[in-house]
mmCIF file of all heavy atoms, coordinates in Angstrom:
data_MODEL
# 
_entry.id   MODEL 
# 
loop_
_atom_site.group_PDB 
_atom_site.id 
_atom_site.type_symbol 
_atom_site.label_atom_id 
_atom_site.label_alt_id 
_atom_site.label_comp_id 
_atom_site.label_asym_id 
_atom_site.label_entity_id 
_atom_site.label_seq_id 
_atom_site.pdbx_PDB_ins_code 
_atom_site.Cartn_x 
_atom_site.Cartn_y 
_atom_site.Cartn_z 
_atom_site.occupancy 
_atom_site.B_iso_or_equiv 
_atom_site.pdbx_formal_charge 
_atom_site.auth_seq_id 
_atom_site.auth_comp_id 
_atom_site.auth_asym_id 
_atom_site.auth_atom_id 
_atom_site.pdbx_PDB_model_num 
ATOM 1   N N   . SER A 1 1  ? -148.905 -126.636 -17.092 1.00 0.00 ? 1  SER A N   1 
ATOM 2   C CA  . SER A 1 1  ? -149.134 -127.649 -16.049 1.00 0.00 ? 1  SER A CA  1 
ATOM 3   C C   . SER A 1 1  ? -149.859 -128.857 -16.615 1.00 0.00 ? 1  SER A C   1 
ATOM 4   O O   . SER A 1 1  ? -149.524 -130.019 -16.334 1.00 0.00 ? 1  SER A O   1 
ATOM 5   C CB  . SER A 1 1  ? -149.938 -127.050 -14.898 1.00 0.00 ? 1  SER A CB  1 
ATOM 6   O OG  . SER A 1 1  ? -149.196 -126.023 -14.270 1.00 0.00 ? 1  SER A OG  1 
ATOM 7   N N   . SER A 1 2  ? -150.872 -128.596 -17.464 1.00 0.00 ? 2  SER A N   1 
ATOM 8   C CA  . SER A 1 2  ? -151.608 -129.725 -18.008 1.00 0.00 ? 2  SER A CA  1 
ATOM 9   C C   . SER A 1 2  ? -150.742 -130.537 -18.970 1.00 0.00 ? 2  SER A C   1 
ATOM 10  O O   . SER A 1 2  ? -150.889 -131.753 -19.089 1.00 0.00 ? 2  SER A O   1 
ATOM 11  C CB  . SER A 1 2  ? -152.878 -129.229 -18.718 1.00 0.00 ? 2  SER A CB  1 
ATOM 12  O OG  . SER A 1 2  ? -152.533 -128.422 -19.835 1.00 0.00 ? 2  SER A OG  1 
ATOM 13  N N   . SER A 1 3  ? -149.784 -129.874 -19.647 1.00 0.00 ? 3  SER A N   1 
ATOM 14  C CA  . SER A 1 3  ? -148.950 -130.618 -20.585 1.00 0.00 ? 3  SER A CA  1 
ATOM 15  C C   . SER A 1 3  ? -147.936 -131.491 -19.845 1.00 0.00 ? 3  SER A C   1 
ATOM 16  O O   . SER A 1 3  ? -147.372 -132.400 -20.431 1.00 0.00 ? 3  SER A O   1 
ATOM 17  C CB  . SER A 1 3  ? -148.201 -129.623 -21.499 1.00 0.00 ? 3  SER A CB  1 
ATOM 18  O OG  . SER A 1 3  ? -147.239 -128.894 -20.760 1.00 0.00 ? 3  SER A OG  1 
ATOM 19  N N   . LEU A 1 4  ? -147.715 -131.204 -18.564 1.00 0.00 ? 4  LEU A N   1 
ATOM 20  C CA  . LEU A 1 4  ? -146.784 -132.021 -17.773 1.00 0.00 ? 4  LEU A CA  1 
ATOM 21  C C   . LEU A 1 4  ? -147.465 -133.239 -17.159 1.00 0.00 ? 4  LEU A C   1 
ATOM 22  O O   . LEU A 1 4  ? -146.809 -134.037 -16.519 1.00 0.00 ? 4  LEU A O   1 
ATOM 23  C CB  . LEU A 1 4  ? -146.176 -131.172 -16.638 1.00 0.00 ? 4  LEU A CB  1 
ATOM 24  C CG  . LEU A 1 4  ? -145.210 -130.069 -17.070 1.00 0.00 ? 4  LEU A CG  1 
ATOM 25  C CD1 . LEU A 1 4  ? -144.778 -129.249 -15.870 1.00 0.00 ? 4  LEU A CD1 1 
ATOM 26  C CD2 . LEU A 1 4  ? -143.996 -130.689 -17.763 1.00 0.00 ? 4  LEU A CD2 1 
ATOM 27  N N   . ALA A 1 5  ? -148.767 -133.363 -17.327 1.00 0.00 ? 5  ALA A N   1 
ATOM 28  C CA  . ALA A 1 5  ? -149.470 -134.499 -16.722 1.00 0.00 ? 5  ALA A CA  1 
ATOM 29  C C   . ALA A 1 5  ? -148.870 -135.805 -17.216 1.00 0.00 ? 5  ALA A C   1 
ATOM 30  O O   . ALA A 1 5  ? -148.583 -135.965 -18.404 1.00 0.00 ? 5  ALA A O   1 
ATOM 31  C CB  . ALA A 1 5  ? -150.959 -134.418 -17.067 1.00 0.00 ? 5  ALA A CB  1 
ATOM 32  N N   . ILE A 1 6  ? -148.680 -136.782 -16.319 1.00 0.00 ? 6  ILE A N   1 
ATOM 33  C CA  . ILE A 1 6  ? -148.054 -138.052 -16.645 1.00 0.00 ? 6  ILE A CA  1 
ATOM 34  C C   . ILE A 1 6  ? -149.120 -139.093 -16.936 1.00 0.00 ? 6  ILE A C   1 
ATOM 35  O O   . ILE A 1 6  ? -150.218 -139.060 -16.360 1.00 0.00 ? 6  ILE A O   1 
ATOM 36  C CB  . ILE A 1 6  ? -147.122 -138.489 -15.493 1.00 0.00 ? 6  ILE A CB  1 
ATOM 37  C CG1 . ILE A 1 6  ? -146.280 -139.693 -15.901 1.00 0.00 ? 6  ILE A CG1 1 
ATOM 38  C CG2 . ILE A 1 6  ? -147.906 -138.767 -14.219 1.00 0.00 ? 6  ILE A CG2 1 
ATOM 39  C CD1 . ILE A 1 6  ? -145.162 -139.993 -14.908 1.00 0.00 ? 6  ILE A CD1 1 
ATOM 40  N N   . ASP A 1 7  ? -148.805 -139.991 -17.841 1.00 0.00 ? 7  ASP A N   1 
ATOM 41  C CA  . ASP A 1 7  ? -149.772 -141.024 -18.216 1.00 0.00 ? 7  ASP A CA  1 
ATOM 42  C C   . ASP A 1 7  ? -150.008 -141.986 -17.068 1.00 0.00 ? 7  ASP A C   1 
ATOM 43  O O   . ASP A 1 7  ? -149.135 -142.215 -16.221 1.00 0.00 ? 7  ASP A O   1 
ATOM 44  C CB  . ASP A 1 7  ? -149.267 -141.808 -19.424 1.00 0.00 ? 7  ASP A CB  1 
ATOM 45  C CG  . ASP A 1 7  ? -149.244 -140.987 -20.707 1.00 0.00 ? 7  ASP A CG  1 
ATOM 46  O OD1 . ASP A 1 7  ? -150.007 -140.004 -20.766 1.00 0.00 ? 7  ASP A OD1 1 
ATOM 47  O OD2 . ASP A 1 7  ? -148.482 -141.328 -21.613 1.00 0.00 ? 7  ASP A OD2 1 
ATOM 48  N N   . ALA A 1 8  ? -151.188 -142.554 -17.051 1.00 0.00 ? 8  ALA A N   1 
ATOM 49  C CA  . ALA A 1 8  ? -151.511 -143.581 -16.053 1.00 0.00 ? 8  ALA A CA  1 
ATOM 50  C C   . ALA A 1 8  ? -150.972 -144.918 -16.520 1.00 0.00 ? 8  ALA A C   1 
ATOM 51  O O   . ALA A 1 8  ? -150.887 -145.198 -17.707 1.00 0.00 ? 8  ALA A O   1 
ATOM 52  C CB  . ALA A 1 8  ? -153.022 -143.670 -15.869 1.00 0.00 ? 8  ALA A CB  1 
ATOM 53  N N   . PRO A 1 9  ? -150.564 -145.788 -15.595 1.00 0.00 ? 9  PRO A N   1 
ATOM 54  C CA  . PRO A 1 9  ? -150.083 -147.112 -15.976 1.00 0.00 ? 9  PRO A CA  1 
ATOM 55  C C   . PRO A 1 9  ? -151.218 -148.023 -16.430 1.00 0.00 ? 9  PRO A C   1 
ATOM 56  O O   . PRO A 1 9  ? -152.389 -147.758 -16.147 1.00 0.00 ? 9  PRO A O   1 
ATOM 57  C CB  . PRO A 1 9  ? -149.443 -147.629 -14.690 1.00 0.00 ? 9  PRO A CB  1 
ATOM 58  C CG  . PRO A 1 9  ? -150.159 -146.918 -13.595 1.00 0.00 ? 9  PRO A CG  1 
ATOM 59  C CD  . PRO A 1 9  ? -150.497 -145.561 -14.137 1.00 0.00 ? 9  PRO A CD  1 
ATOM 60  N N   . THR A 1 10 ? -150.839 -149.062 -17.118 1.00 0.00 ? 10 THR A N   1 
ATOM 61  C CA  . THR A 1 10 ? -151.786 -150.127 -17.468 1.00 0.00 ? 10 THR A CA  1 
ATOM 62  C C   . THR A 1 10 ? -151.574 -151.289 -16.498 1.00 0.00 ? 10 THR A C   1 
ATOM 63  O O   . THR A 1 10 ? -150.446 -151.809 -16.391 1.00 0.00 ? 10 THR A O   1 
ATOM 64  C CB  . THR A 1 10 ? -151.570 -150.620 -18.904 1.00 0.00 ? 10 THR A CB  1 
ATOM 65  O OG1 . THR A 1 10 ? -151.787 -149.521 -19.814 1.00 0.00 ? 10 THR A OG1 1 
ATOM 66  C CG2 . THR A 1 10 ? -152.533 -151.749 -19.262 1.00 0.00 ? 10 THR A CG2 1 
ATOM 67  N N   . LEU A 1 11 ? -152.599 -151.674 -15.775 1.00 0.00 ? 11 LEU A N   1 
ATOM 68  C CA  . LEU A 1 11 ? -152.454 -152.758 -14.806 1.00 0.00 ? 11 LEU A CA  1 
ATOM 69  C C   . LEU A 1 11 ? -152.368 -154.106 -15.518 1.00 0.00 ? 11 LEU A C   1 
ATOM 70  O O   . LEU A 1 11 ? -153.064 -154.346 -16.513 1.00 0.00 ? 11 LEU A O   1 
ATOM 71  C CB  . LEU A 1 11 ? -153.643 -152.747 -13.819 1.00 0.00 ? 11 LEU A CB  1 
ATOM 72  C CG  . LEU A 1 11 ? -153.863 -151.455 -13.046 1.00 0.00 ? 11 LEU A CG  1 
ATOM 73  C CD1 . LEU A 1 11 ? -154.931 -151.665 -11.975 1.00 0.00 ? 11 LEU A CD1 1 
ATOM 74  C CD2 . LEU A 1 11 ? -152.577 -150.942 -12.438 1.00 0.00 ? 11 LEU A CD2 1 
ATOM 75  N N   . TRP A 1 12 ? -151.527 -154.978 -14.986 1.00 0.00 ? 12 TRP A N   1 
ATOM 76  C CA  . TRP A 1 12 ? -151.279 -156.285 -15.603 1.00 0.00 ? 12 TRP A CA  1 
ATOM 77  C C   . TRP A 1 12 ? -151.798 -157.436 -14.737 1.00 0.00 ? 12 TRP A C   1 
ATOM 78  O O   . TRP A 1 12 ? -152.686 -158.176 -15.141 1.00 0.00 ? 12 TRP A O   1 
ATOM 79  C CB  . TRP A 1 12 ? -149.791 -156.466 -15.896 1.00 0.00 ? 12 TRP A CB  1 
ATOM 80  C CG  . TRP A 1 12 ? -149.313 -155.678 -17.074 1.00 0.00 ? 12 TRP A CG  1 
ATOM 81  C CD1 . TRP A 1 12 ? -150.092 -155.015 -18.004 1.00 0.00 ? 12 TRP A CD1 1 
ATOM 82  C CD2 . TRP A 1 12 ? -147.956 -155.420 -17.457 1.00 0.00 ? 12 TRP A CD2 1 
ATOM 83  N NE1 . TRP A 1 12 ? -149.304 -154.406 -18.939 1.00 0.00 ? 12 TRP A NE1 1 
ATOM 84  C CE2 . TRP A 1 12 ? -147.983 -154.618 -18.646 1.00 0.00 ? 12 TRP A CE2 1 
ATOM 85  C CE3 . TRP A 1 12 ? -146.735 -155.793 -16.941 1.00 0.00 ? 12 TRP A CE3 1 
ATOM 86  C CZ2 . TRP A 1 12 ? -146.836 -154.205 -19.289 1.00 0.00 ? 12 TRP A CZ2 1 
ATOM 87  C CZ3 . TRP A 1 12 ? -145.572 -155.368 -17.591 1.00 0.00 ? 12 TRP A CZ3 1 
ATOM 88  C CH2 . TRP A 1 12 ? -145.623 -154.588 -18.750 1.00 0.00 ? 12 TRP A CH2 1 
ATOM 89  N N   . SER A 1 13 ? -151.207 -157.628 -13.603 1.00 0.00 ? 13 SER A N   1 
ATOM 90  C CA  . SER A 1 13 ? -151.563 -158.801 -12.796 1.00 0.00 ? 13 SER A CA  1 
ATOM 91  C C   . SER A 1 13 ? -151.582 -158.437 -11.308 1.00 0.00 ? 13 SER A C   1 
ATOM 92  O O   . SER A 1 13 ? -150.825 -157.570 -10.884 1.00 0.00 ? 13 SER A O   1 
ATOM 93  C CB  . SER A 1 13 ? -150.564 -159.939 -13.037 1.00 0.00 ? 13 SER A CB  1 
ATOM 94  O OG  . SER A 1 13 ? -149.253 -159.563 -12.559 1.00 0.00 ? 13 SER A OG  1 
ATOM 95  N N   . PRO A 1 14 ? -152.459 -159.115 -10.551 1.00 0.00 ? 14 PRO A N   1 
ATOM 96  C CA  . PRO A 1 14 ? -153.465 -160.086 -10.995 1.00 0.00 ? 14 PRO A CA  1 
ATOM 97  C C   . PRO A 1 14 ? -154.508 -159.407 -11.920 1.00 0.00 ? 14 PRO A C   1 
ATOM 98  O O   . PRO A 1 14 ? -154.873 -158.249 -11.686 1.00 0.00 ? 14 PRO A O   1 
ATOM 99  C CB  . PRO A 1 14 ? -154.129 -160.550 -9.699  1.00 0.00 ? 14 PRO A CB  1 
ATOM 100 C CG  . PRO A 1 14 ? -153.185 -160.152 -8.599  1.00 0.00 ? 14 PRO A CG  1 
ATOM 101 C CD  . PRO A 1 14 ? -152.493 -158.926 -9.092  1.00 0.00 ? 14 PRO A CD  1 
ATOM 102 N N   . ALA A 1 15 ? -154.951 -160.141 -12.930 1.00 0.00 ? 15 ALA A N   1 
ATOM 103 C CA  . ALA A 1 15 ? -155.896 -159.578 -13.872 1.00 0.00 ? 15 ALA A CA  1 
ATOM 104 C C   . ALA A 1 15 ? -157.190 -159.205 -13.171 1.00 0.00 ? 15 ALA A C   1 
ATOM 105 O O   . ALA A 1 15 ? -157.534 -159.759 -12.122 1.00 0.00 ? 15 ALA A O   1 
ATOM 106 C CB  . ALA A 1 15 ? -156.187 -160.606 -14.982 1.00 0.00 ? 15 ALA A CB  1 
ATOM 107 N N   . ASN A 1 16 ? -157.883 -158.235 -13.739 1.00 0.00 ? 16 ASN A N   1 
ATOM 108 C CA  . ASN A 1 16 ? -159.095 -157.735 -13.113 1.00 0.00 ? 16 ASN A CA  1 
ATOM 109 C C   . ASN A 1 16 ? -160.120 -158.866 -12.905 1.00 0.00 ? 16 ASN A C   1 
ATOM 110 O O   . ASN A 1 16 ? -160.393 -159.647 -13.824 1.00 0.00 ? 16 ASN A O   1 
ATOM 111 C CB  . ASN A 1 16 ? -159.710 -156.644 -13.982 1.00 0.00 ? 16 ASN A CB  1 
ATOM 112 C CG  . ASN A 1 16 ? -160.753 -155.842 -13.243 1.00 0.00 ? 16 ASN A CG  1 
ATOM 113 O OD1 . ASN A 1 16 ? -160.717 -155.741 -12.006 1.00 0.00 ? 16 ASN A OD1 1 
ATOM 114 N ND2 . ASN A 1 16 ? -161.691 -155.249 -13.953 1.00 0.00 ? 16 ASN A ND2 1 
ATOM 115 N N   . ASN A 1 17 ? -160.627 -158.950 -11.693 1.00 0.00 ? 17 ASN A N   1 
ATOM 116 C CA  . ASN A 1 17 ? -161.630 -159.945 -11.289 1.00 0.00 ? 17 ASN A CA  1 
ATOM 117 C C   . ASN A 1 17 ? -161.110 -161.376 -11.302 1.00 0.00 ? 17 ASN A C   1 
ATOM 118 O O   . ASN A 1 17 ? -161.895 -162.326 -11.251 1.00 0.00 ? 17 ASN A O   1 
ATOM 119 C CB  . ASN A 1 17 ? -162.898 -159.845 -12.158 1.00 0.00 ? 17 ASN A CB  1 
ATOM 120 C CG  . ASN A 1 17 ? -163.677 -158.586 -11.864 1.00 0.00 ? 17 ASN A CG  1 
ATOM 121 O OD1 . ASN A 1 17 ? -163.797 -158.183 -10.720 1.00 0.00 ? 17 ASN A OD1 1 
ATOM 122 N ND2 . ASN A 1 17 ? -164.194 -157.955 -12.917 1.00 0.00 ? 17 ASN A ND2 1 
ATOM 123 N N   . SER A 1 18 ? -159.759 -161.533 -11.411 1.00 0.00 ? 18 SER A N   1 
ATOM 124 C CA  . SER A 1 18 ? -159.205 -162.885 -11.336 1.00 0.00 ? 18 SER A CA  1 
ATOM 125 C C   . SER A 1 18 ? -159.243 -163.373 -9.891  1.00 0.00 ? 18 SER A C   1 
ATOM 126 O O   . SER A 1 18 ? -159.340 -162.591 -8.947  1.00 0.00 ? 18 SER A O   1 
ATOM 127 C CB  . SER A 1 18 ? -157.768 -162.906 -11.838 1.00 0.00 ? 18 SER A CB  1 
ATOM 128 O OG  . SER A 1 18 ? -156.952 -162.067 -11.039 1.00 0.00 ? 18 SER A OG  1 
ATOM 129 N N   . ALA A 1 19 ? -159.176 -164.689 -9.730  1.00 0.00 ? 19 ALA A N   1 
ATOM 130 C CA  . ALA A 1 19 ? -159.247 -165.296 -8.390  1.00 0.00 ? 19 ALA A CA  1 
ATOM 131 C C   . ALA A 1 19 ? -157.972 -166.074 -8.105  1.00 0.00 ? 19 ALA A C   1 
ATOM 132 O O   . ALA A 1 19 ? -157.319 -166.579 -9.024  1.00 0.00 ? 19 ALA A O   1 
ATOM 133 C CB  . ALA A 1 19 ? -160.464 -166.214 -8.293  1.00 0.00 ? 19 ALA A CB  1 
ATOM 134 N N   . GLY A 1 20 ? -157.597 -166.158 -6.836  1.00 0.00 ? 20 GLY A N   1 
ATOM 135 C CA  . GLY A 1 20 ? -156.415 -166.918 -6.464  1.00 0.00 ? 20 GLY A CA  1 
ATOM 136 C C   . GLY A 1 20 ? -156.344 -167.108 -4.980  1.00 0.00 ? 20 GLY A C   1 
ATOM 137 O O   . GLY A 1 20 ? -157.094 -166.494 -4.204  1.00 0.00 ? 20 GLY A O   1 
ATOM 138 N N   . ILE A 1 21 ? -155.421 -167.978 -4.536  1.00 0.00 ? 21 ILE A N   1 
ATOM 139 C CA  . ILE A 1 21 ? -155.247 -168.259 -3.111  1.00 0.00 ? 21 ILE A CA  1 
ATOM 140 C C   . ILE A 1 21 ? -153.970 -167.635 -2.574  1.00 0.00 ? 21 ILE A C   1 
ATOM 141 O O   . ILE A 1 21 ? -153.743 -167.651 -1.352  1.00 0.00 ? 21 ILE A O   1 
ATOM 142 C CB  . ILE A 1 21 ? -155.230 -169.771 -2.828  1.00 0.00 ? 21 ILE A CB  1 
ATOM 143 C CG1 . ILE A 1 21 ? -153.997 -170.432 -3.481  1.00 0.00 ? 21 ILE A CG1 1 
ATOM 144 C CG2 . ILE A 1 21 ? -156.528 -170.422 -3.323  1.00 0.00 ? 21 ILE A CG2 1 
ATOM 145 C CD1 . ILE A 1 21 ? -153.769 -171.861 -3.016  1.00 0.00 ? 21 ILE A CD1 1 
ATOM 146 N N   . VAL A 1 22 ? -153.106 -167.111 -3.438  1.00 0.00 ? 22 VAL A N   1 
ATOM 147 C CA  . VAL A 1 22 ? -151.828 -166.552 -3.004  1.00 0.00 ? 22 VAL A CA  1 
ATOM 148 C C   . VAL A 1 22 ? -152.092 -165.235 -2.277  1.00 0.00 ? 22 VAL A C   1 
ATOM 149 O O   . VAL A 1 22 ? -152.585 -164.274 -2.881  1.00 0.00 ? 22 VAL A O   1 
ATOM 150 C CB  . VAL A 1 22 ? -150.874 -166.354 -4.181  1.00 0.00 ? 22 VAL A CB  1 
ATOM 151 C CG1 . VAL A 1 22 ? -149.581 -165.674 -3.707  1.00 0.00 ? 22 VAL A CG1 1 
ATOM 152 C CG2 . VAL A 1 22 ? -150.561 -167.695 -4.835  1.00 0.00 ? 22 VAL A CG2 1 
ATOM 153 N N   . GLN A 1 23 ? -151.727 -165.170 -1.010  1.00 0.00 ? 23 GLN A N   1 
ATOM 154 C CA  . GLN A 1 23 ? -152.024 -164.001 -0.190  1.00 0.00 ? 23 GLN A CA  1 
ATOM 155 C C   . GLN A 1 23 ? -150.960 -162.919 -0.272  1.00 0.00 ? 23 GLN A C   1 
ATOM 156 O O   . GLN A 1 23 ? -151.113 -161.840 0.304   1.00 0.00 ? 23 GLN A O   1 
ATOM 157 C CB  . GLN A 1 23 ? -152.237 -164.441 1.262   1.00 0.00 ? 23 GLN A CB  1 
ATOM 158 C CG  . GLN A 1 23 ? -153.477 -165.315 1.450   1.00 0.00 ? 23 GLN A CG  1 
ATOM 159 C CD  . GLN A 1 23 ? -153.567 -165.871 2.848   1.00 0.00 ? 23 GLN A CD  1 
ATOM 160 O OE1 . GLN A 1 23 ? -153.100 -166.975 3.125   1.00 0.00 ? 23 GLN A OE1 1 
ATOM 161 N NE2 . GLN A 1 23 ? -154.163 -165.109 3.748   1.00 0.00 ? 23 GLN A NE2 1 
ATOM 162 N N   . THR A 1 24 ? -149.876 -163.220 -0.974  1.00 0.00 ? 24 THR A N   1 
ATOM 163 C CA  . THR A 1 24 ? -148.815 -162.219 -1.223  1.00 0.00 ? 24 THR A CA  1 
ATOM 164 C C   . THR A 1 24 ? -148.521 -162.200 -2.718  1.00 0.00 ? 24 THR A C   1 
ATOM 165 O O   . THR A 1 24 ? -147.404 -162.506 -3.134  1.00 0.00 ? 24 THR A O   1 
ATOM 166 C CB  . THR A 1 24 ? -147.550 -162.547 -0.405  1.00 0.00 ? 24 THR A CB  1 
ATOM 167 O OG1 . THR A 1 24 ? -147.187 -163.924 -0.652  1.00 0.00 ? 24 THR A OG1 1 
ATOM 168 C CG2 . THR A 1 24 ? -147.765 -162.345 1.064   1.00 0.00 ? 24 THR A CG2 1 
ATOM 169 N N   . PRO A 1 25 ? -149.506 -161.847 -3.542  1.00 0.00 ? 25 PRO A N   1 
ATOM 170 C CA  . PRO A 1 25 ? -149.268 -161.851 -4.990  1.00 0.00 ? 25 PRO A CA  1 
ATOM 171 C C   . PRO A 1 25 ? -148.363 -160.719 -5.417  1.00 0.00 ? 25 PRO A C   1 
ATOM 172 O O   . PRO A 1 25 ? -148.191 -159.740 -4.691  1.00 0.00 ? 25 PRO A O   1 
ATOM 173 C CB  . PRO A 1 25 ? -150.666 -161.673 -5.560  1.00 0.00 ? 25 PRO A CB  1 
ATOM 174 C CG  . PRO A 1 25 ? -151.389 -160.892 -4.512  1.00 0.00 ? 25 PRO A CG  1 
ATOM 175 C CD  . PRO A 1 25 ? -150.858 -161.384 -3.199  1.00 0.00 ? 25 PRO A CD  1 
# 
């Protein structure tokens, strides 16, 4: 079961702690 564990994704955008006005990014 542990060998079947799937990798976690790497988050891309919006970048962590980035700011923006687009409400549907």
